[in-house]
């Protein structure tokens, strides 16, 4: 985080970087919040997204970047899909499940799962952004038209 702050200052940017538990995010503070390849690991993703939503200023947006797995389960799956299940079973899912009452999402978080989490957190806008050919990742935009 120190390097990010230094680079932003050297570039003359007014970007602010913070590392906080989502429950500690200040209300109505940020224009944008980004979650890079992490939501599927979290035991309580809906709670995190609720904190993110509260922290956004009116017109603010949240961008979630996560694995670009298939939109629906279709066995046996592509090689990438099978690789993601391997990561999920060996790393992400056990980590998330190590907490009581975990959502137990794991690496293979399909768009409909994120849509459900976002809706439960109070977001009413959900978009898959048209960013192509970016490795294993899919970009989502979450917003709230009533704020």
N, C-alpha and C. Protein backbone atom coordinates (compact mmCIF):
# COMPACT_ATOMS: atom_id res chain seq x y z
N UNK A 1 0.82 -1.17 0.00
CA UNK A 1 0.00 0.00 0.00
C UNK A 1 0.88 1.25 0.00
N UNK A 2 2.01 1.19 0.67
CA UNK A 2 2.91 2.34 0.69
C UNK A 2 3.38 2.69 -0.72
N UNK A 3 3.69 1.67 -1.50
CA UNK A 3 4.15 1.90 -2.87
C UNK A 3 3.02 2.53 -3.70
N UNK A 4 1.79 2.09 -3.51
CA UNK A 4 0.66 2.68 -4.24
C UNK A 4 0.51 4.15 -3.89
N UNK A 5 0.63 4.46 -2.62
CA UNK A 5 0.53 5.87 -2.19
C UNK A 5 1.65 6.71 -2.78
N UNK A 6 2.87 6.16 -2.75
CA UNK A 6 4.02 6.88 -3.31
C UNK A 6 3.83 7.12 -4.80
N UNK A 7 3.42 6.09 -5.52
CA UNK A 7 3.22 6.23 -6.96
C UNK A 7 2.13 7.23 -7.27
N UNK A 8 1.04 7.22 -6.52
CA UNK A 8 -0.05 8.18 -6.74
C UNK A 8 0.43 9.61 -6.47
N UNK A 9 1.16 9.80 -5.38
CA UNK A 9 1.67 11.13 -5.05
C UNK A 9 2.65 11.61 -6.13
N UNK A 10 3.53 10.73 -6.57
CA UNK A 10 4.49 11.10 -7.62
C UNK A 10 3.79 11.49 -8.92
N UNK A 11 2.62 10.89 -9.17
CA UNK A 11 1.86 11.20 -10.38
C UNK A 11 0.94 12.40 -10.19
N UNK A 12 0.93 12.97 -8.98
CA UNK A 12 0.07 14.12 -8.71
C UNK A 12 -1.40 13.75 -8.55
N UNK A 13 -1.67 12.51 -8.22
CA UNK A 13 -3.05 12.03 -8.09
C UNK A 13 -3.57 12.24 -6.68
N UNK A 14 -4.87 12.50 -6.59
CA UNK A 14 -5.52 12.67 -5.29
C UNK A 14 -6.19 11.37 -4.84
N UNK A 15 -5.78 10.24 -5.43
CA UNK A 15 -6.36 8.95 -5.08
C UNK A 15 -6.01 8.62 -3.64
N UNK A 16 -6.97 8.06 -2.93
CA UNK A 16 -6.76 7.66 -1.53
C UNK A 16 -6.82 6.14 -1.45
N UNK A 17 -5.85 5.54 -0.80
CA UNK A 17 -5.82 4.09 -0.61
C UNK A 17 -6.03 3.79 0.86
N UNK A 18 -6.92 2.83 1.13
CA UNK A 18 -7.15 2.41 2.51
C UNK A 18 -7.27 0.90 2.54
N UNK A 19 -6.83 0.32 3.62
CA UNK A 19 -6.97 -1.12 3.84
C UNK A 19 -7.77 -1.28 5.12
N UNK A 20 -9.05 -1.62 4.96
CA UNK A 20 -9.95 -1.71 6.10
C UNK A 20 -10.84 -2.93 5.98
N UNK A 21 -11.33 -3.39 7.10
CA UNK A 21 -12.42 -4.35 7.10
C UNK A 21 -13.64 -3.61 6.57
N UNK A 22 -14.42 -4.23 5.72
CA UNK A 22 -15.56 -3.55 5.11
C UNK A 22 -16.53 -2.99 6.14
N UNK A 23 -16.61 -3.63 7.30
CA UNK A 23 -17.51 -3.11 8.33
C UNK A 23 -17.01 -1.78 8.88
N UNK A 24 -15.75 -1.48 8.66
CA UNK A 24 -15.18 -0.23 9.13
C UNK A 24 -15.12 0.87 8.09
N UNK A 25 -15.67 0.62 6.91
CA UNK A 25 -15.65 1.64 5.87
C UNK A 25 -16.53 2.81 6.28
N UNK A 26 -16.06 4.03 6.12
CA UNK A 26 -16.87 5.19 6.47
C UNK A 26 -18.03 5.36 5.48
N UNK A 27 -19.17 5.81 5.96
CA UNK A 27 -20.36 5.98 5.11
C UNK A 27 -20.19 7.16 4.16
N UNK A 28 -20.76 7.01 2.97
CA UNK A 28 -20.82 8.08 1.97
C UNK A 28 -19.46 8.76 1.75
N UNK A 29 -18.43 7.96 1.56
CA UNK A 29 -17.07 8.50 1.47
C UNK A 29 -16.41 8.36 0.12
N UNK A 30 -16.68 7.25 -0.58
CA UNK A 30 -15.90 6.93 -1.76
C UNK A 30 -16.71 7.05 -3.04
N UNK A 31 -16.03 7.47 -4.10
CA UNK A 31 -16.62 7.49 -5.44
C UNK A 31 -16.61 6.10 -6.06
N UNK A 32 -15.61 5.32 -5.71
CA UNK A 32 -15.47 3.97 -6.26
C UNK A 32 -14.76 3.09 -5.24
N UNK A 33 -15.15 1.84 -5.23
CA UNK A 33 -14.51 0.82 -4.41
C UNK A 33 -14.22 -0.36 -5.33
N UNK A 34 -13.03 -0.92 -5.23
CA UNK A 34 -12.62 -2.03 -6.07
C UNK A 34 -12.32 -3.25 -5.21
N UNK A 35 -12.76 -4.40 -5.66
CA UNK A 35 -12.44 -5.68 -5.00
C UNK A 35 -11.83 -6.58 -6.06
N UNK A 36 -10.52 -6.77 -5.98
CA UNK A 36 -9.79 -7.54 -6.98
C UNK A 36 -9.59 -8.98 -6.51
N UNK A 37 -10.25 -9.91 -7.18
CA UNK A 37 -10.01 -11.33 -7.01
C UNK A 37 -9.97 -11.73 -5.54
N UNK A 38 -11.01 -11.34 -4.80
CA UNK A 38 -11.01 -11.64 -3.37
C UNK A 38 -12.39 -12.01 -2.82
N UNK A 39 -13.45 -11.56 -3.43
CA UNK A 39 -14.78 -11.74 -2.85
C UNK A 39 -15.11 -13.22 -2.66
N UNK A 40 -14.68 -14.06 -3.57
CA UNK A 40 -14.99 -15.49 -3.47
C UNK A 40 -14.30 -16.15 -2.28
N UNK A 41 -13.25 -15.53 -1.75
CA UNK A 41 -12.53 -16.08 -0.60
C UNK A 41 -13.17 -15.71 0.73
N UNK A 42 -14.01 -14.71 0.72
CA UNK A 42 -14.54 -14.15 1.96
C UNK A 42 -15.66 -15.00 2.54
N UNK A 43 -15.63 -15.20 3.85
CA UNK A 43 -16.69 -16.01 4.46
C UNK A 43 -18.05 -15.31 4.44
N UNK A 44 -18.06 -13.98 4.42
CA UNK A 44 -19.32 -13.24 4.50
C UNK A 44 -19.39 -12.17 3.40
N UNK A 45 -19.44 -12.59 2.14
CA UNK A 45 -19.37 -11.63 1.04
C UNK A 45 -20.54 -10.64 1.03
N UNK A 46 -21.72 -11.06 1.46
CA UNK A 46 -22.86 -10.14 1.49
C UNK A 46 -22.61 -9.01 2.49
N UNK A 47 -22.03 -9.33 3.64
CA UNK A 47 -21.72 -8.31 4.64
C UNK A 47 -20.68 -7.33 4.10
N UNK A 48 -19.70 -7.86 3.41
CA UNK A 48 -18.66 -7.00 2.81
C UNK A 48 -19.29 -6.07 1.79
N UNK A 49 -20.13 -6.61 0.91
CA UNK A 49 -20.77 -5.78 -0.10
C UNK A 49 -21.72 -4.76 0.52
N UNK A 50 -22.36 -5.10 1.63
CA UNK A 50 -23.21 -4.13 2.33
C UNK A 50 -22.38 -2.95 2.83
N UNK A 51 -21.21 -3.25 3.40
CA UNK A 51 -20.30 -2.20 3.85
C UNK A 51 -19.80 -1.35 2.70
N UNK A 52 -19.51 -1.99 1.59
CA UNK A 52 -19.06 -1.27 0.40
C UNK A 52 -20.17 -0.34 -0.08
N UNK A 53 -21.39 -0.85 -0.16
CA UNK A 53 -22.51 -0.03 -0.64
C UNK A 53 -22.70 1.20 0.24
N UNK A 54 -22.66 1.02 1.55
CA UNK A 54 -22.82 2.16 2.48
C UNK A 54 -21.70 3.18 2.30
N UNK A 55 -20.52 2.72 1.92
CA UNK A 55 -19.36 3.62 1.82
C UNK A 55 -19.36 4.47 0.56
N UNK A 56 -20.20 4.10 -0.41
CA UNK A 56 -20.20 4.83 -1.67
C UNK A 56 -21.02 6.12 -1.58
N UNK A 57 -20.47 7.17 -2.18
CA UNK A 57 -21.22 8.42 -2.33
C UNK A 57 -22.34 8.19 -3.33
N UNK A 58 -23.30 9.10 -3.35
CA UNK A 58 -24.34 9.03 -4.37
C UNK A 58 -23.70 9.02 -5.74
N UNK A 59 -24.12 8.10 -6.59
CA UNK A 59 -23.54 7.96 -7.91
C UNK A 59 -22.27 7.12 -7.94
N UNK A 60 -21.82 6.64 -6.78
CA UNK A 60 -20.61 5.84 -6.71
C UNK A 60 -20.82 4.44 -7.27
N UNK A 61 -19.73 3.77 -7.50
CA UNK A 61 -19.80 2.43 -8.08
C UNK A 61 -18.79 1.51 -7.43
N UNK A 62 -19.12 0.25 -7.40
CA UNK A 62 -18.19 -0.78 -6.94
C UNK A 62 -17.83 -1.65 -8.14
N UNK A 63 -16.56 -1.95 -8.26
CA UNK A 63 -16.10 -2.84 -9.32
C UNK A 63 -15.53 -4.09 -8.65
N UNK A 64 -16.07 -5.22 -9.03
CA UNK A 64 -15.60 -6.50 -8.52
C UNK A 64 -14.93 -7.22 -9.68
N UNK A 65 -13.70 -7.66 -9.47
CA UNK A 65 -12.98 -8.44 -10.47
C UNK A 65 -12.78 -9.83 -9.87
N UNK A 66 -13.29 -10.83 -10.58
CA UNK A 66 -13.17 -12.20 -10.08
C UNK A 66 -12.99 -13.15 -11.26
N UNK A 67 -12.77 -14.41 -10.97
CA UNK A 67 -12.50 -15.39 -12.01
C UNK A 67 -13.63 -15.45 -13.04
N UNK A 68 -13.26 -15.56 -14.29
CA UNK A 68 -14.24 -15.64 -15.39
C UNK A 68 -14.58 -17.10 -15.65
N UNK A 69 -15.25 -17.71 -14.69
CA UNK A 69 -15.70 -19.08 -14.89
C UNK A 69 -16.95 -19.07 -15.76
N UNK A 70 -17.36 -20.24 -16.22
CA UNK A 70 -18.56 -20.33 -17.05
C UNK A 70 -19.76 -19.76 -16.29
N UNK A 71 -20.71 -19.22 -17.05
CA UNK A 71 -21.89 -18.62 -16.41
C UNK A 71 -22.78 -19.65 -15.76
N UNK A 72 -22.75 -20.88 -16.26
CA UNK A 72 -23.52 -21.98 -15.66
C UNK A 72 -22.64 -23.22 -15.61
N UNK A 73 -22.95 -24.10 -14.69
CA UNK A 73 -22.23 -25.36 -14.57
C UNK A 73 -22.56 -26.24 -15.76
N UNK A 74 -21.53 -26.71 -16.47
CA UNK A 74 -21.72 -27.54 -17.65
C UNK A 74 -20.61 -28.59 -17.68
N UNK A 75 -20.83 -29.74 -17.02
CA UNK A 75 -19.78 -30.75 -16.96
C UNK A 75 -19.41 -31.27 -18.33
N UNK A 76 -18.17 -31.67 -18.57
CA UNK A 76 -17.10 -31.67 -17.59
C UNK A 76 -16.42 -30.33 -17.43
N UNK A 77 -16.81 -29.32 -18.18
CA UNK A 77 -16.18 -28.01 -18.08
C UNK A 77 -14.92 -27.91 -18.92
N UNK A 78 -14.52 -26.67 -19.15
CA UNK A 78 -13.29 -26.43 -19.90
C UNK A 78 -12.09 -26.72 -19.01
N UNK A 79 -10.92 -26.71 -19.60
CA UNK A 79 -9.70 -26.90 -18.79
C UNK A 79 -9.57 -25.80 -17.75
N UNK A 80 -9.91 -24.57 -18.11
CA UNK A 80 -9.83 -23.46 -17.16
C UNK A 80 -10.82 -23.68 -16.01
N UNK A 81 -12.02 -24.11 -16.34
CA UNK A 81 -13.03 -24.36 -15.31
C UNK A 81 -12.54 -25.44 -14.34
N UNK A 82 -11.98 -26.50 -14.87
CA UNK A 82 -11.48 -27.57 -14.00
C UNK A 82 -10.31 -27.08 -13.15
N UNK A 83 -9.45 -26.23 -13.72
CA UNK A 83 -8.35 -25.63 -12.95
C UNK A 83 -8.90 -24.79 -11.79
N UNK A 84 -9.92 -24.02 -12.08
CA UNK A 84 -10.53 -23.17 -11.04
C UNK A 84 -11.15 -24.01 -9.92
N UNK A 85 -11.79 -25.11 -10.29
CA UNK A 85 -12.32 -26.01 -9.25
C UNK A 85 -11.19 -26.58 -8.40
N UNK A 86 -10.05 -26.87 -9.03
CA UNK A 86 -8.91 -27.35 -8.26
C UNK A 86 -8.44 -26.31 -7.26
N UNK A 87 -8.30 -25.06 -7.72
CA UNK A 87 -7.92 -23.98 -6.79
C UNK A 87 -8.94 -23.86 -5.67
N UNK A 88 -10.21 -23.95 -6.04
CA UNK A 88 -11.28 -23.78 -5.07
C UNK A 88 -11.20 -24.86 -3.99
N UNK A 89 -11.08 -26.11 -4.41
CA UNK A 89 -11.08 -27.21 -3.45
C UNK A 89 -9.84 -27.23 -2.56
N UNK A 90 -8.71 -26.77 -3.10
CA UNK A 90 -7.46 -26.84 -2.34
C UNK A 90 -7.16 -25.58 -1.53
N UNK A 91 -7.68 -24.42 -1.95
CA UNK A 91 -7.27 -23.17 -1.32
C UNK A 91 -8.46 -22.33 -0.88
N UNK A 92 -9.22 -21.81 -1.82
CA UNK A 92 -10.22 -20.78 -1.53
C UNK A 92 -11.38 -21.26 -0.69
N UNK A 93 -11.96 -22.38 -1.04
CA UNK A 93 -13.11 -22.88 -0.30
C UNK A 93 -12.75 -23.27 1.13
N UNK A 94 -11.67 -24.02 1.37
CA UNK A 94 -11.32 -24.33 2.76
C UNK A 94 -11.04 -23.08 3.60
N UNK A 95 -10.40 -22.07 2.97
CA UNK A 95 -10.14 -20.83 3.70
C UNK A 95 -11.44 -20.16 4.10
N UNK A 96 -12.35 -19.99 3.16
CA UNK A 96 -13.64 -19.37 3.46
C UNK A 96 -14.45 -20.16 4.46
N UNK A 97 -14.40 -21.48 4.36
CA UNK A 97 -15.19 -22.34 5.24
C UNK A 97 -14.60 -22.46 6.65
N UNK A 98 -13.43 -21.87 6.87
CA UNK A 98 -12.82 -21.96 8.20
C UNK A 98 -13.48 -21.01 9.20
N UNK A 99 -14.50 -20.29 8.76
CA UNK A 99 -15.24 -19.38 9.62
C UNK A 99 -16.66 -19.93 9.84
N UNK A 100 -17.23 -19.72 11.01
CA UNK A 100 -18.59 -20.23 11.24
C UNK A 100 -19.62 -19.55 10.33
N UNK A 101 -20.57 -20.33 9.87
CA UNK A 101 -21.67 -19.83 9.03
C UNK A 101 -21.20 -19.14 7.75
N UNK A 102 -20.09 -19.60 7.20
CA UNK A 102 -19.52 -19.04 5.98
C UNK A 102 -20.45 -19.27 4.79
N UNK A 103 -20.41 -18.34 3.84
CA UNK A 103 -21.15 -18.52 2.59
C UNK A 103 -20.54 -19.67 1.79
N UNK A 104 -19.25 -19.94 1.97
CA UNK A 104 -18.61 -21.05 1.28
C UNK A 104 -18.65 -20.91 -0.24
N UNK A 105 -18.25 -19.76 -0.73
CA UNK A 105 -18.35 -19.50 -2.16
C UNK A 105 -17.30 -20.26 -2.95
N UNK A 106 -16.05 -20.06 -2.67
CA UNK A 106 -14.97 -20.70 -3.41
C UNK A 106 -14.69 -20.00 -4.73
N UNK A 107 -13.62 -20.44 -5.38
CA UNK A 107 -13.12 -19.81 -6.59
C UNK A 107 -14.16 -19.73 -7.70
N UNK A 108 -15.00 -20.74 -7.82
CA UNK A 108 -15.95 -20.81 -8.92
C UNK A 108 -17.23 -20.04 -8.53
N UNK A 109 -17.10 -18.71 -8.51
CA UNK A 109 -18.25 -17.85 -8.21
C UNK A 109 -18.86 -17.42 -9.54
N UNK A 110 -19.99 -17.96 -9.84
CA UNK A 110 -20.67 -17.66 -11.10
C UNK A 110 -21.36 -16.30 -11.01
N UNK A 111 -21.60 -15.65 -12.15
CA UNK A 111 -22.23 -14.32 -12.13
C UNK A 111 -23.54 -14.27 -11.34
N UNK A 112 -24.34 -15.31 -11.43
CA UNK A 112 -25.62 -15.29 -10.71
C UNK A 112 -25.41 -15.30 -9.19
N UNK A 113 -24.35 -15.93 -8.73
CA UNK A 113 -24.03 -15.92 -7.29
C UNK A 113 -23.68 -14.51 -6.86
N UNK A 114 -22.82 -13.84 -7.63
CA UNK A 114 -22.47 -12.46 -7.28
C UNK A 114 -23.69 -11.55 -7.37
N UNK A 115 -24.54 -11.75 -8.36
CA UNK A 115 -25.77 -10.95 -8.49
C UNK A 115 -26.63 -11.12 -7.22
N UNK A 116 -26.73 -12.34 -6.74
CA UNK A 116 -27.52 -12.61 -5.52
C UNK A 116 -26.89 -11.91 -4.30
N UNK A 117 -25.58 -12.01 -4.16
CA UNK A 117 -24.89 -11.34 -3.05
C UNK A 117 -25.10 -9.83 -3.12
N UNK A 118 -24.94 -9.27 -4.32
CA UNK A 118 -25.06 -7.82 -4.49
C UNK A 118 -26.48 -7.35 -4.18
N UNK A 119 -27.46 -8.08 -4.63
CA UNK A 119 -28.86 -7.73 -4.36
C UNK A 119 -29.15 -7.78 -2.86
N UNK A 120 -28.69 -8.82 -2.20
CA UNK A 120 -28.89 -8.94 -0.74
C UNK A 120 -28.19 -7.81 0.01
N UNK A 121 -27.12 -7.28 -0.57
CA UNK A 121 -26.38 -6.18 0.07
C UNK A 121 -27.00 -4.82 -0.22
N UNK A 122 -28.04 -4.79 -1.07
CA UNK A 122 -28.73 -3.54 -1.35
C UNK A 122 -28.40 -2.89 -2.68
N UNK A 123 -27.54 -3.50 -3.46
CA UNK A 123 -27.26 -2.95 -4.79
C UNK A 123 -28.44 -3.30 -5.71
N UNK A 124 -28.85 -2.35 -6.52
CA UNK A 124 -29.93 -2.66 -7.46
C UNK A 124 -29.48 -2.61 -8.92
N UNK A 125 -28.20 -2.34 -9.13
CA UNK A 125 -27.66 -2.39 -10.49
C UNK A 125 -26.48 -3.36 -10.51
N UNK A 126 -26.49 -4.24 -11.48
CA UNK A 126 -25.47 -5.27 -11.61
C UNK A 126 -25.16 -5.41 -13.10
N UNK A 127 -23.92 -5.20 -13.47
CA UNK A 127 -23.53 -5.33 -14.88
C UNK A 127 -22.23 -6.12 -14.98
N UNK A 128 -22.18 -6.93 -16.01
CA UNK A 128 -20.90 -7.53 -16.39
C UNK A 128 -20.30 -6.58 -17.41
N UNK A 129 -19.13 -6.04 -17.09
CA UNK A 129 -18.52 -5.06 -17.97
C UNK A 129 -17.93 -5.74 -19.21
N UNK A 130 -17.97 -5.07 -20.35
CA UNK A 130 -17.52 -5.68 -21.61
C UNK A 130 -16.00 -5.61 -21.79
N UNK A 131 -15.28 -6.11 -20.81
CA UNK A 131 -13.83 -6.15 -20.88
C UNK A 131 -13.44 -7.56 -21.27
N UNK A 132 -12.80 -7.70 -22.39
CA UNK A 132 -12.46 -9.02 -22.95
C UNK A 132 -10.96 -9.28 -22.87
N UNK A 133 -10.62 -10.54 -22.98
CA UNK A 133 -9.22 -10.96 -23.08
C UNK A 133 -8.35 -10.41 -21.96
N UNK A 134 -8.83 -10.55 -20.74
CA UNK A 134 -8.07 -10.09 -19.59
C UNK A 134 -7.76 -11.27 -18.69
N UNK A 135 -7.13 -12.26 -19.27
CA UNK A 135 -6.74 -13.44 -18.51
C UNK A 135 -7.95 -14.21 -18.01
N UNK A 136 -7.89 -14.62 -16.78
CA UNK A 136 -8.94 -15.42 -16.16
C UNK A 136 -10.06 -14.58 -15.56
N UNK A 137 -10.07 -13.28 -15.78
CA UNK A 137 -10.93 -12.42 -14.98
C UNK A 137 -12.15 -11.86 -15.71
N UNK A 138 -13.20 -11.64 -14.92
CA UNK A 138 -14.42 -10.99 -15.38
C UNK A 138 -14.61 -9.77 -14.47
N UNK A 139 -15.09 -8.68 -15.06
CA UNK A 139 -15.29 -7.42 -14.34
C UNK A 139 -16.79 -7.16 -14.18
N UNK A 140 -17.19 -6.83 -12.97
CA UNK A 140 -18.58 -6.53 -12.65
C UNK A 140 -18.68 -5.11 -12.11
N UNK A 141 -19.78 -4.44 -12.42
CA UNK A 141 -20.05 -3.13 -11.84
C UNK A 141 -21.32 -3.24 -11.01
N UNK A 142 -21.23 -2.78 -9.77
CA UNK A 142 -22.37 -2.77 -8.85
C UNK A 142 -22.66 -1.32 -8.50
N UNK A 143 -23.92 -0.94 -8.53
CA UNK A 143 -24.29 0.43 -8.20
C UNK A 143 -25.68 0.42 -7.59
N UNK A 144 -26.08 1.59 -7.13
CA UNK A 144 -27.40 1.74 -6.53
C UNK A 144 -28.02 3.01 -7.08
N UNK A 145 -29.06 2.87 -7.85
CA UNK A 145 -29.69 4.04 -8.50
C UNK A 145 -30.44 4.91 -7.50
N UNK A 146 -30.73 4.42 -6.31
CA UNK A 146 -31.48 5.20 -5.32
C UNK A 146 -30.58 5.99 -4.40
N UNK A 147 -29.28 5.92 -4.57
CA UNK A 147 -28.35 6.69 -3.71
C UNK A 147 -27.67 7.73 -4.53
